[in-house]
Each structure stands twice: as structure tokens, then as C-alpha cells.
C-alpha atoms as a PDB file:
ATOM      1  CA  MET A   1     162.706  80.700  55.837  1.00  0.00           C
ATOM      2  CA  GLN A   2     159.710  82.167  54.542  1.00  0.00           C
ATOM      3  CA  SER A   3     156.803  81.305  52.343  1.00  0.00           C
ATOM      4  CA  GLN A   4     153.410  82.245  50.923  1.00  0.00           C
ATOM      5  CA  GLU A   5     150.537  79.740  51.017  1.00  0.00           C
ATOM      6  CA  ARG A   6     146.748  79.364  49.923  1.00  0.00           C
ATOM      7  CA  GLY A   7     147.625  82.225  47.394  1.00  0.00           C
ATOM      8  CA  GLU A   8     144.160  81.013  45.566  1.00  0.00           C
ATOM      9  CA  GLU A   9     142.164  82.008  48.181  1.00  0.00           C
ATOM     10  CA  PRO A  10     139.609  84.966  46.773  1.00  0.00           C
ATOM     11  CA  ALA A  11     139.575  88.576  48.266  1.00  0.00           C
ATOM     12  CA  ALA A  12     137.696  89.525  51.421  1.00  0.00           C
ATOM     13  CA  ARG A  13     134.374  90.717  50.680  1.00  0.00           C
ATOM     14  CA  ALA A  14     135.083  93.931  52.371  1.00  0.00           C
ATOM     15  CA  SER A  15     138.204  96.121  51.914  1.00  0.00           C
ATOM     16  CA  THR A  16     138.206  97.579  55.314  1.00  0.00           C
ATOM     17  CA  GLY A  17     140.455  95.634  57.547  1.00  0.00           C
ATOM     18  CA  ARG A  18     142.492  95.688  60.783  1.00  0.00           C
ATOM     19  CA  ARG A  19     146.328  95.785  61.835  1.00  0.00           C
ATOM     20  CA  ILE A  20     146.946  94.172  64.742  1.00  0.00           C
ATOM     21  CA  LEU A  21     149.809  94.393  66.819  1.00  0.00           C
ATOM     22  CA  LEU A  22     151.234  92.043  69.044  1.00  0.00           C
ATOM     23  CA  ARG A  23     153.676  91.863  71.892  1.00  0.00           C
ATOM     24  CA  GLY A  24     154.847  89.131  74.252  1.00  0.00           C
ATOM     25  CA  THR A  25     155.909  85.747  73.662  1.00  0.00           C
ATOM     26  CA  VAL A  26     154.645  85.147  70.230  1.00  0.00           C
ATOM     27  CA  GLN A  27     157.538  84.223  68.147  1.00  0.00           C
ATOM     28  CA  GLY A  28     158.999  80.367  68.201  1.00  0.00           C
ATOM     29  CA  VAL A  29     155.468  79.211  69.479  1.00  0.00           C
ATOM     30  CA  GLY A  30     154.074  78.487  66.193  1.00  0.00           C
ATOM     31  CA  PHE A  31     151.789  81.835  66.272  1.00  0.00           C
ATOM     32  CA  ARG A  32     151.867  82.886  62.747  1.00  0.00           C
ATOM     33  CA  PRO A  33     150.724  79.091  61.686  1.00  0.00           C
ATOM     34  CA  PHE A  34     148.390  79.478  64.333  1.00  0.00           C
ATOM     35  CA  VAL A  35     147.374  82.872  62.988  1.00  0.00           C
ATOM     36  CA  SER A  36     147.392  81.515  59.214  1.00  0.00           C
ATOM     37  CA  ARG A  37     145.211  79.119  59.934  1.00  0.00           C
ATOM     38  CA  THR A  38     142.469  80.750  62.254  1.00  0.00           C
ATOM     39  CA  ALA A  39     142.420  83.043  59.600  1.00  0.00           C
ATOM     40  CA  ILE A  40     141.622  81.016  56.826  1.00  0.00           C
ATOM     41  CA  ALA A  41     139.281  79.559  58.581  1.00  0.00           C
ATOM     42  CA  ARG A  42     136.855  82.314  58.709  1.00  0.00           C
ATOM     43  CA  GLY A  43     137.247  83.342  55.226  1.00  0.00           C
ATOM     44  CA  LEU A  44     139.486  86.266  56.359  1.00  0.00           C
ATOM     45  CA  VAL A  45     142.701  87.647  53.674  1.00  0.00           C
ATOM     46  CA  GLY A  46     145.424  89.450  54.448  1.00  0.00           C
ATOM     47  CA  SER A  47     148.746  88.526  55.970  1.00  0.00           C
ATOM     48  CA  VAL A  48     150.875  87.758  59.285  1.00  0.00           C
ATOM     49  CA  ARG A  49     154.752  88.889  59.649  1.00  0.00           C
ATOM     50  CA  ASN A  50     157.713  88.616  62.623  1.00  0.00           C
ATOM     51  CA  GLU A  51     159.257  91.876  63.381  1.00  0.00           C
ATOM     52  CA  ALA A  52     161.701  92.950  65.965  1.00  0.00           C
ATOM     53  CA  SER A  53     158.908  94.192  68.349  1.00  0.00           C
ATOM     54  CA  GLY A  54     156.112  91.352  68.200  1.00  0.00           C
ATOM     55  CA  VAL A  55     154.135  90.162  65.460  1.00  0.00           C
ATOM     56  CA  THR A  56     152.173  92.263  63.049  1.00  0.00           C
ATOM     57  CA  ILE A  57     149.026  91.081  61.400  1.00  0.00           C
ATOM     58  CA  GLU A  58     147.352  92.849  58.422  1.00  0.00           C
ATOM     59  CA  VAL A  59     143.557  90.943  58.032  1.00  0.00           C
ATOM     60  CA  PHE A  60     140.392  91.683  55.937  1.00  0.00           C
ATOM     61  CA  GLY A  61     137.197  90.930  56.005  1.00  0.00           C
ATOM     62  CA  GLU A  62     133.478  91.110  57.360  1.00  0.00           C
ATOM     63  CA  PRO A  63     133.493  93.449  60.954  1.00  0.00           C
ATOM     64  CA  ALA A  64     132.156  90.340  62.861  1.00  0.00           C
ATOM     65  CA  ASP A  65     134.441  87.710  61.544  1.00  0.00           C
ATOM     66  CA  LEU A  66     137.175  90.072  62.198  1.00  0.00           C
ATOM     67  CA  ASP A  67     135.704  90.484  65.719  1.00  0.00           C
ATOM     68  CA  ALA A  68     135.700  86.944  66.058  1.00  0.00           C
ATOM     69  CA  PHE A  69     139.232  86.535  64.657  1.00  0.00           C
ATOM     70  CA  VAL A  70     140.496  88.739  67.243  1.00  0.00           C
ATOM     71  CA  GLU A  71     138.895  87.068  70.188  1.00  0.00           C
ATOM     72  CA  THR A  72     140.562  84.018  68.876  1.00  0.00           C
ATOM     73  CA  LEU A  73     143.907  85.496  69.410  1.00  0.00           C
ATOM     74  CA  ARG A  74     143.018  86.732  73.024  1.00  0.00           C
ATOM     75  CA  SER A  75     141.326  83.236  74.208  1.00  0.00           C
ATOM     76  CA  ALA A  76     142.901  80.700  72.319  1.00  0.00           C
ATOM     77  CA  LEU A  77     146.290  81.013  71.915  1.00  0.00           C
ATOM     78  CA  PRO A  78     148.685  77.949  70.864  1.00  0.00           C
ATOM     79  CA  SER A  79     150.475  76.242  73.848  1.00  0.00           C
ATOM     80  CA  GLY A  80     153.665  78.429  74.891  1.00  0.00           C
ATOM     81  CA  ALA A  81     152.298  82.054  73.730  1.00  0.00           C
ATOM     82  CA  GLU A  82     151.473  84.691  76.095  1.00  0.00           C
ATOM     83  CA  ILE A  83     150.367  88.225  74.657  1.00  0.00           C
ATOM     84  CA  SER A  84     151.671  91.087  76.667  1.00  0.00           C
ATOM     85  CA  GLY A  85     150.232  93.740  74.544  1.00  0.00           C
ATOM     86  CA  LEU A  86     147.496  94.181  71.914  1.00  0.00           C
ATOM     87  CA  ARG A  87     146.694  96.791  69.209  1.00  0.00           C
ATOM     88  CA  CYS A  88     144.125  96.919  66.893  1.00  0.00           C
ATOM     89  CA  ASP A  89     143.977  99.880  64.533  1.00  0.00           C
ATOM     90  CA  GLU A  90     141.378 100.004  61.237  1.00  0.00           C
ATOM     91  CA  LEU A  91     143.030  99.631  58.244  1.00  0.00           C
ATOM     92  CA  VAL A  92     141.481 101.219  54.738  1.00  0.00           C
ATOM     93  CA  THR A  93     143.037  99.691  51.858  1.00  0.00           C
ATOM     94  CA  GLU A  94     142.729  97.026  48.893  1.00  0.00           C
ATOM     95  CA  ALA A  95     142.060  93.892  50.216  1.00  0.00           C
ATOM     96  CA  PRO A  96     144.854  91.113  49.285  1.00  0.00           C
ATOM     97  CA  ARG A  97     143.927  87.489  47.776  1.00  0.00           C
ATOM     98  CA  GLY A  98     144.538  84.572  50.154  1.00  0.00           C
ATOM     99  CA  PHE A  99     146.329  84.895  53.504  1.00  0.00           C
ATOM    100  CA  THR A 100     150.106  84.978  53.602  1.00  0.00           C
ATOM    101  CA  ILE A 101     152.871  84.734  56.046  1.00  0.00           C
ATOM    102  CA  GLY A 102     155.398  87.420  54.837  1.00  0.00           C
ATOM    103  CA  SER A 103     159.052  87.788  55.142  1.00  0.00           C
ATOM    104  CA  SER A 104     160.098  88.985  58.829  1.00  0.00           C
ATOM    105  CA  GLU A 105     161.192  92.503  59.224  1.00  0.00           C
ATOM    106  CA  ALA A 106     163.750  93.830  61.838  1.00  0.00           C
ATOM    107  CA  ARG A 107     162.161  97.180  62.199  1.00  0.00           C
ATOM    108  CA  GLY A 108     161.303  98.558  65.703  1.00  0.00           C
ATOM    109  CA  GLY A 109     162.537  98.433  69.473  1.00  0.00           C
ATOM    110  CA  VAL A 110     163.030  94.963  70.685  1.00  0.00           C
ATOM    111  CA  GLU A 111     159.935  94.451  73.214  1.00  0.00           C
ATOM    112  CA  LEU A 112     159.529  90.743  72.509  1.00  0.00           C
ATOM    113  CA  SER A 113     160.340  87.240  74.758  1.00  0.00           C
ATOM    114  CA  VAL A 114     161.669  84.832  72.653  1.00  0.00           C
ATOM    115  CA  ALA A 115     160.127  81.753  73.841  1.00  0.00           C
ATOM    116  CA  PRO A 116     162.165  79.196  76.049  1.00  0.00           C
ATOM    117  CA  ASP A 117     163.226  75.863  75.036  1.00  0.00           C
ATOM    118  CA  ARG A 118     160.567  73.222  75.434  1.00  0.00           C
ATOM    119  CA  ALA A 119     160.796  69.381  76.126  1.00  0.00           C
ATOM    120  CA  ALA A 120     159.517  66.985  73.292  1.00  0.00           C
ATOM    121  CA  CYS A 121     155.888  66.623  72.382  1.00  0.00           C
ATOM    122  CA  ASP A 122     154.411  63.306  72.274  1.00  0.00           C
ATOM    123  CA  ASP A 123     154.321  63.823  68.438  1.00  0.00           C
ATOM    124  CA  CYS A 124     157.902  64.118  68.395  1.00  0.00           C
ATOM    125  CA  LEU A 125     159.177  61.309  70.481  1.00  0.00           C
ATOM    126  CA  ARG A 126     156.450  58.865  68.995  1.00  0.00           C
ATOM    127  CA  GLU A 127     158.754  59.833  65.590  1.00  0.00           C
ATOM    128  CA  THR A 128     161.925  59.600  67.564  1.00  0.00           C
ATOM    129  CA  LEU A 129     161.234  56.176  68.777  1.00  0.00           C
ATOM    130  CA  ASP A 130     159.430  54.759  65.027  1.00  0.00           C
ATOM    131  CA  PRO A 131     161.980  52.427  63.545  1.00  0.00           C
ATOM    132  CA  SER A 132     159.975  52.982  60.267  1.00  0.00           C
ATOM    133  CA  ASP A 133     159.811  57.265  60.737  1.00  0.00           C
ATOM    134  CA  ARG A 134     162.512  58.961  59.081  1.00  0.00           C
ATOM    135  CA  ARG A 135     163.666  60.607  62.044  1.00  0.00           C
ATOM    136  CA  PHE A 136     163.809  57.783  64.067  1.00  0.00           C
ATOM    137  CA  ALA A 137     166.669  57.790  66.816  1.00  0.00           C
ATOM    138  CA  TRP A 138     167.270  61.366  65.706  1.00  0.00           C
ATOM    139  CA  ALA A 139     168.307  63.239  68.991  1.00  0.00           C
ATOM    140  CA  PHE A 140     167.213  66.566  67.499  1.00  0.00           C
ATOM    141  CA  THR A 141     163.732  65.717  66.881  1.00  0.00           C
ATOM    142  CA  SER A 142     161.110  69.094  66.819  1.00  0.00           C
ATOM    143  CA  CYS A 143     158.293  70.412  65.724  1.00  0.00           C
ATOM    144  CA  THR A 144     156.030  74.094  66.288  1.00  0.00           C
ATOM    145  CA  ALA A 145     154.836  72.658  69.640  1.00  0.00           C
ATOM    146  CA  CYS A 146     158.667  71.748  71.019  1.00  0.00           C
ATOM    147  CA  GLY A 147     162.494  71.774  70.735  1.00  0.00           C
ATOM    148  CA  PRO A 148     164.988  74.262  71.172  1.00  0.00           C
ATOM    149  CA  ARG A 149     163.958  78.410  70.878  1.00  0.00           C
ATOM    150  CA  TYR A 150     165.896  80.904  73.624  1.00  0.00           C
ATOM    151  CA  THR A 151     169.373  79.151  73.682  1.00  0.00           C
ATOM    152  CA  ILE A 152     169.571  79.045  70.016  1.00  0.00           C
ATOM    153  CA  ALA A 153     168.396  82.689  69.405  1.00  0.00           C
ATOM    154  CA  LEU A 154     171.230  84.929  67.843  1.00  0.00           C
ATOM    155  CA  GLY A 155     168.479  88.080  67.509  1.00  0.00           C
ATOM    156  CA  VAL A 156     165.084  89.115  66.388  1.00  0.00           C
ATOM    157  CA  PRO A 157     163.042  88.298  64.682  1.00  0.00           C
ATOM    158  CA  TYR A 158     162.832  84.992  65.757  1.00  0.00           C
ATOM    159  CA  ASP A 159     163.554  82.898  62.286  1.00  0.00           C
ATOM    160  CA  ARG A 160     165.823  80.509  61.252  1.00  0.00           C
ATOM    161  CA  SER A 161     168.326  82.983  59.747  1.00  0.00           C
ATOM    162  CA  THR A 162     168.667  84.400  63.307  1.00  0.00           C
ATOM    163  CA  THR A 163     169.322  81.098  65.447  1.00  0.00           C
ATOM    164  CA  THR A 164     172.216  78.910  65.132  1.00  0.00           C
ATOM    165  CA  MET A 165     170.040  76.322  62.586  1.00  0.00           C
ATOM    166  CA  SER A 166     170.959  78.920  60.045  1.00  0.00           C
ATOM    167  CA  ARG A 167     174.123  76.722  59.054  1.00  0.00           C
ATOM    168  CA  PHE A 168     171.919  73.235  58.276  1.00  0.00           C
ATOM    169  CA  ALA A 169     169.651  74.052  54.949  1.00  0.00           C
ATOM    170  CA  PRO A 170     166.831  72.355  54.834  1.00  0.00           C
ATOM    171  CA  CYS A 171     166.321  69.170  52.588  1.00  0.00           C
ATOM    172  CA  ALA A 172     163.615  68.838  49.931  1.00  0.00           C
ATOM    173  CA  GLU A 173     161.219  66.904  52.121  1.00  0.00           C
ATOM    174  CA  CYS A 174     162.095  69.181  55.351  1.00  0.00           C
ATOM    175  CA  ARG A 175     161.376  72.264  53.007  1.00  0.00           C
ATOM    176  CA  ARG A 176     158.041  70.594  52.022  1.00  0.00           C
ATOM    177  CA  GLU A 177     156.693  70.482  55.426  1.00  0.00           C
ATOM    178  CA  TYR A 178     157.661  74.160  56.713  1.00  0.00           C
ATOM    179  CA  GLU A 179     155.807  75.100  53.607  1.00  0.00           C
ATOM    180  CA  ASP A 180     152.778  72.545  54.007  1.00  0.00           C
ATOM    181  CA  PRO A 181     149.938  74.166  56.128  1.00  0.00           C
ATOM    182  CA  ASP A 182     148.584  70.912  57.165  1.00  0.00           C
ATOM    183  CA  ASP A 183     151.666  69.992  58.568  1.00  0.00           C
ATOM    184  CA  ARG A 184     152.422  70.530  62.663  1.00  0.00           C
ATOM    185  CA  ARG A 185     156.435  71.634  61.121  1.00  0.00           C
ATOM    186  CA  PHE A 186     154.448  74.406  59.067  1.00  0.00           C
ATOM    187  CA  HIS A 187     156.859  77.398  59.497  1.00  0.00           C
ATOM    188  CA  CYS A 188     158.745  75.486  62.070  1.00  0.00           C
ATOM    189  CA  GLU A 189     162.107  77.437  61.639  1.00  0.00           C
ATOM    190  CA  THR A 190     164.263  74.441  63.668  1.00  0.00           C
ATOM    191  CA  ASN A 191     162.691  71.736  61.240  1.00  0.00           C
ATOM    192  CA  ALA A 192     165.619  69.407  60.206  1.00  0.00           C
ATOM    193  CA  CYS A 193     166.040  66.032  59.692  1.00  0.00           C
ATOM    194  CA  PRO A 194     169.119  63.555  60.017  1.00  0.00           C
ATOM    195  CA  ASP A 195     169.552  64.152  56.179  1.00  0.00           C
ATOM    196  CA  CYS A 196     169.813  67.975  56.981  1.00  0.00           C
ATOM    197  CA  GLY A 197     170.323  68.824  60.354  1.00  0.00           C
ATOM    198  CA  PRO A 198     172.976  68.695  63.261  1.00  0.00           C
ATOM    199  CA  SER A 199     174.244  65.222  64.659  1.00  0.00           C
ATOM    200  CA  LEU A 200     175.655  63.955  67.759  1.00  0.00           C
ATOM    201  CA  ARG A 201     179.134  63.197  67.964  1.00  0.00           C
ATOM    202  CA  LEU A 202     181.414  61.484  70.816  1.00  0.00           C
ATOM    203  CA  VAL A 203     185.123  63.032  71.898  1.00  0.00           C
ATOM    204  CA  ASP A 204     187.387  62.489  74.226  1.00  0.00           C
ATOM    205  CA  GLY A 205     188.916  64.587  77.230  1.00  0.00           C
ATOM    206  CA  ALA A 206     191.357  66.443  75.344  1.00  0.00           C
ATOM    207  CA  GLY A 207     188.343  67.011  72.114  1.00  0.00           C
ATOM    208  CA  ARG A 208     189.452  64.706  70.252  1.00  0.00           C
ATOM    209  CA  ARG A 209     186.498  62.868  67.934  1.00  0.00           C
ATOM    210  CA  LEU A 210     186.234  59.297  68.569  1.00  0.00           C
ATOM    211  CA  ALA A 211     184.545  56.795  66.061  1.00  0.00           C
ATOM    212  CA  SER A 212     180.978  55.990  67.232  1.00  0.00           C
ATOM    213  CA  ASP A 213     178.021  54.580  65.429  1.00  0.00           C
ATOM    214  CA  ASP A 214     175.727  55.425  67.991  1.00  0.00           C
ATOM    215  CA  PRO A 215     177.158  58.250  70.493  1.00  0.00           C
ATOM    216  CA  ILE A 216     174.610  58.219  73.085  1.00  0.00           C
ATOM    217  CA  ASP A 217     174.993  54.096  73.590  1.00  0.00           C
ATOM    218  CA  GLU A 218     178.868  54.632  74.288  1.00  0.00           C
ATOM    219  CA  ILE A 219     177.964  57.529  76.693  1.00  0.00           C
ATOM    220  CA  ALA A 220     175.012  55.339  78.649  1.00  0.00           C
ATOM    221  CA  ARG A 221     177.569  52.224  78.522  1.00  0.00           C
ATOM    222  CA  ALA A 222     180.330  54.690  80.060  1.00  0.00           C
ATOM    223  CA  ILE A 223     177.864  55.811  82.917  1.00  0.00           C
ATOM    224  CA  ARG A 224     177.316  52.340  83.691  1.00  0.00           C
ATOM    225  CA  LEU A 225     180.552  51.682  84.289  1.00  0.00           C
ATOM    226  CA  GLY A 226     181.088  54.337  86.527  1.00  0.00           C
ATOM    227  CA  ARG A 227     182.804  57.162  84.389  1.00  0.00           C
ATOM    228  CA  ILE A 228     182.254  60.669  84.431  1.00  0.00           C
ATOM    229  CA  VAL A 229     180.920  62.259  81.189  1.00  0.00           C
ATOM    230  CA  ALA A 230     180.115  65.890  80.064  1.00  0.00           C
ATOM    231  CA  VAL A 231     177.474  66.006  77.920  1.00  0.00           C
ATOM    232  CA  LYS A 232     176.825  69.510  75.626  1.00  0.00           C
ATOM    233  CA  GLY A 233     173.380  70.611  75.290  1.00  0.00           C
ATOM    234  CA  LEU A 234     171.720  73.603  73.986  1.00  0.00           C
ATOM    235  CA  GLY A 235     172.670  76.188  76.591  1.00  0.00           C
ATOM    236  CA  GLY A 236     176.140  74.557  77.427  1.00  0.00           C
ATOM    237  CA  HIS A 237     177.648  71.395  79.432  1.00  0.00           C
ATOM    238  CA  HIS A 238     176.446  69.355  82.209  1.00  0.00           C
ATOM    239  CA  LEU A 239     178.738  66.687  84.104  1.00  0.00           C
ATOM    240  CA  ALA A 240     176.412  63.596  84.160  1.00  0.00           C
ATOM    241  CA  CYS A 241     177.025  60.237  86.088  1.00  0.00           C
ATOM    242  CA  ASP A 242     175.263  57.063  87.588  1.00  0.00           C
ATOM    243  CA  ALA A 243     173.522  58.512  90.539  1.00  0.00           C
ATOM    244  CA  THR A 244     173.221  54.943  92.433  1.00  0.00           C
ATOM    245  CA  SER A 245     176.864  54.589  92.059  1.00  0.00           C
ATOM    246  CA  ASP A 246     178.615  56.062  95.603  1.00  0.00           C
ATOM    247  CA  GLU A 247     182.263  55.785  93.912  1.00  0.00           C
ATOM    248  CA  ALA A 248     181.305  57.878  91.035  1.00  0.00           C
ATOM    249  CA  VAL A 249     178.984  60.525  92.856  1.00  0.00           C
ATOM    250  CA  ALA A 250     182.160  60.848  95.590  1.00  0.00           C
ATOM    251  CA  THR A 251     184.391  61.246  92.446  1.00  0.00           C
ATOM    252  CA  LEU A 252     182.365  63.906  90.738  1.00  0.00           C
ATOM    253  CA  ARG A 253     182.022  65.801  94.607  1.00  0.00           C
ATOM    254  CA  GLU A 254     185.800  66.243  94.799  1.00  0.00           C
ATOM    255  CA  ARG A 255     186.280  67.124  91.289  1.00  0.00           C
ATOM    256  CA  LYS A 256     183.132  70.282  91.949  1.00  0.00           C
ATOM    257  CA  GLN A 257     184.510  70.623  95.610  1.00  0.00           C
ATOM    258  CA  ARG A 258     180.813  70.263  96.430  1.00  0.00           C
ATOM    259  CA  ASP A 259     181.258  68.155  99.463  1.00  0.00           C
ATOM    260  CA  GLU A 260     177.598  68.533 100.976  1.00  0.00           C
ATOM    261  CA  LYS A 261     175.382  70.314  98.341  1.00  0.00           C
ATOM    262  CA  PRO A 262     172.748  68.057  96.677  1.00  0.00           C
ATOM    263  CA  PHE A 263     173.393  67.608  92.824  1.00  0.00           C
ATOM    264  CA  ALA A 264     170.591  67.732  90.536  1.00  0.00           C
ATOM    265  CA  VAL A 265     168.947  64.279  89.800  1.00  0.00           C
ATOM    266  CA  MET A 266     167.543  62.946  86.491  1.00  0.00           C
ATOM    267  CA  VAL A 267     164.941  60.283  86.158  1.00  0.00           C
ATOM    268  CA  ARG A 268     163.094  58.647  83.350  1.00  0.00           C
ATOM    269  CA  ASP A 269     159.454  59.714  84.321  1.00  0.00           C
ATOM    270  CA  LEU A 270     156.991  60.986  86.877  1.00  0.00           C
ATOM    271  CA  ALA A 271     156.566  57.876  88.210  1.00  0.00           C
ATOM    272  CA  GLU A 272     160.275  56.979  88.886  1.00  0.00           C
ATOM    273  CA  ALA A 273     160.629  60.650  90.674  1.00  0.00           C
ATOM    274  CA  GLN A 274     157.756  59.702  93.228  1.00  0.00           C
ATOM    275  CA  SER A 275     159.881  56.506  94.226  1.00  0.00           C
ATOM    276  CA  LEU A 276     162.784  58.799  95.113  1.00  0.00           C
ATOM    277  CA  ALA A 277     161.058  61.877  96.670  1.00  0.00           C
ATOM    278  CA  GLU A 278     157.868  63.230  98.000  1.00  0.00           C
ATOM    279  CA  ILE A 279     156.087  65.487  95.354  1.00  0.00           C
ATOM    280  CA  ASP A 280     153.182  67.756  96.007  1.00  0.00           C
ATOM    281  CA  ASP A 281     150.534  68.578  93.640  1.00  0.00           C
ATOM    282  CA  THR A 282     152.656  71.974  92.374  1.00  0.00           C
ATOM    283  CA  GLU A 283     155.931  70.250  92.418  1.00  0.00           C
ATOM    284  CA  ARG A 284     153.885  67.521  89.910  1.00  0.00           C
ATOM    285  CA  SER A 285     152.647  70.148  87.699  1.00  0.00           C
ATOM    286  CA  LEU A 286     156.136  71.590  87.082  1.00  0.00           C
ATOM    287  CA  LEU A 287     157.729  68.488  86.507  1.00  0.00           C
ATOM    288  CA  GLY A 288     155.180  68.014  83.584  1.00  0.00           C
ATOM    289  CA  SER A 289     155.080  71.004  82.088  1.00  0.00           C
ATOM    290  CA  PRO A 290     157.256  71.246  79.100  1.00  0.00           C
END
């Protein structure tokens, strides 16, 4: 999905600009929207696009504004972004009008790191728990700050067309969010909703689909009854059971042939984790990271 925005912006006062090549974790982290907003806020014009090797920016304006723009790229990155290399060259050509997010190009060798998956952010959690929100109780809510990245990537550059989301065409409202520079889902490649995105399903041990209005509730009920369930996540499957049920844990140990090796334990929040184990400052920070 690609779009242009703020095309009505005036051309820069100077026709000399800079071509900035960035390497590192600069795709799948809301980097292009960040660049676009930063450039527009400083009255700069130009474009930004993904490439197989990273991100390329062509930007025009007054020298002082260009210097400040580059410094912002170095010091005020969006969460999850990391720059391993930055090259800045003078660019002498006619300045365009406005600032655009251009179509991605697959040229160049692969020199970038696809961002890791990130836990749901507070804004997305609020939407998911809000009965009046169109994404209420939807398990796949995400935005440019959170959600799947690495495990849905099929290639680079990181665009919807090179992820497993390519099969889900966005609805009109999701498209509007994607194209709105003031929306936090501006150029969010995973953007979707219950009307146009993926859905949960419940299947039995033979893979047959089971009728269910609420698969999560059904699975929770099965776990409470002491059963072992398989949960298909973004990167594969994992088995889950009630960790407080000796019988369920014993059965899981038998099936996995793990008599003594500890299992991973999932808890609601940090407070619950601290009630079960001693957690130092480093561990607390890691548990609270995206």
C-alpha cells in the first residue's frame, strides 16, 4: 500500500537538498511516517521510500533546516528503530512540491534488519477493550507502534505486499487511516479490522473447524477444565494448560517427555509475576519491554 500526502505543500525555498541513506532497523517501525511528519513540520519537501537495503530520503530546504532534520533522525527515532548506518550526500536538482511517501523499491542488497514483533501498545489495548470501538475484542489489533513484524515478513522491502497480510485487502475505513498523516496508523502495513482482516478459529485435534462465537472464551474454558490446548501464534504453535493444575502439568510433561525441565509460565502482568518469583531490576525491565 502506497500513498502520497500533503501534495499542496509549497516547494522548498532552495533547490539544493540531500539524499540520506539509512541502514538498520528502519522498516516496520513507523519510520516513514516519522520522517514525513518531521520533514513537514520543518517546512521541508521531498520524499521517503523503503528499499531492500534500508530507507532512502530525498529532502530539500534551507541548510539549517536540513541540518536540524538530520540531527532529528539521529537522536529522536521512533520506538523500535535503530540506525546502523547513515550516509548523507548533497543533491542538486529541482525541488518537488510537498513531501511524499514513495513506492518501495527492491533494488540494492539486503542490509537491513526487519523489526521484531512488538507487544500490543496501550492505545491498541484500549481499543480492543472498548465496547464502542470498531476493533472491540479483536485479537489482531495493531498500529505502527506494535504488532507483528518479523514473523509475518516474506521479504523486503517491508510492505504489506511482502507480508502474510497481503491476502487481506483493507476496507475503506482502514484505507482512510492508512492515508491520514495525523492517524497513528498512517502507513501501517498491518492495518486491518474485523471487517477486512484475519479472524480466529477453533479446530479439534483432527483439524476440523468447530463452530464457536468466541474461540478465546472456548479455549479459556477448556484450560480451566484441565485440558491441554494448542495455540497457533504468529511464529508457530505452543501448547498451553493451567499451570496450577498438577494433573494437567503432569500430562503435558509426559507428552513432551520433559520430566524436570521447567516450562514457560504466562501471567497477566508484572504484579502477578512478582507474586510467583523474585524479580530484579533488569528482569523487571525486560518483562516490561515491548
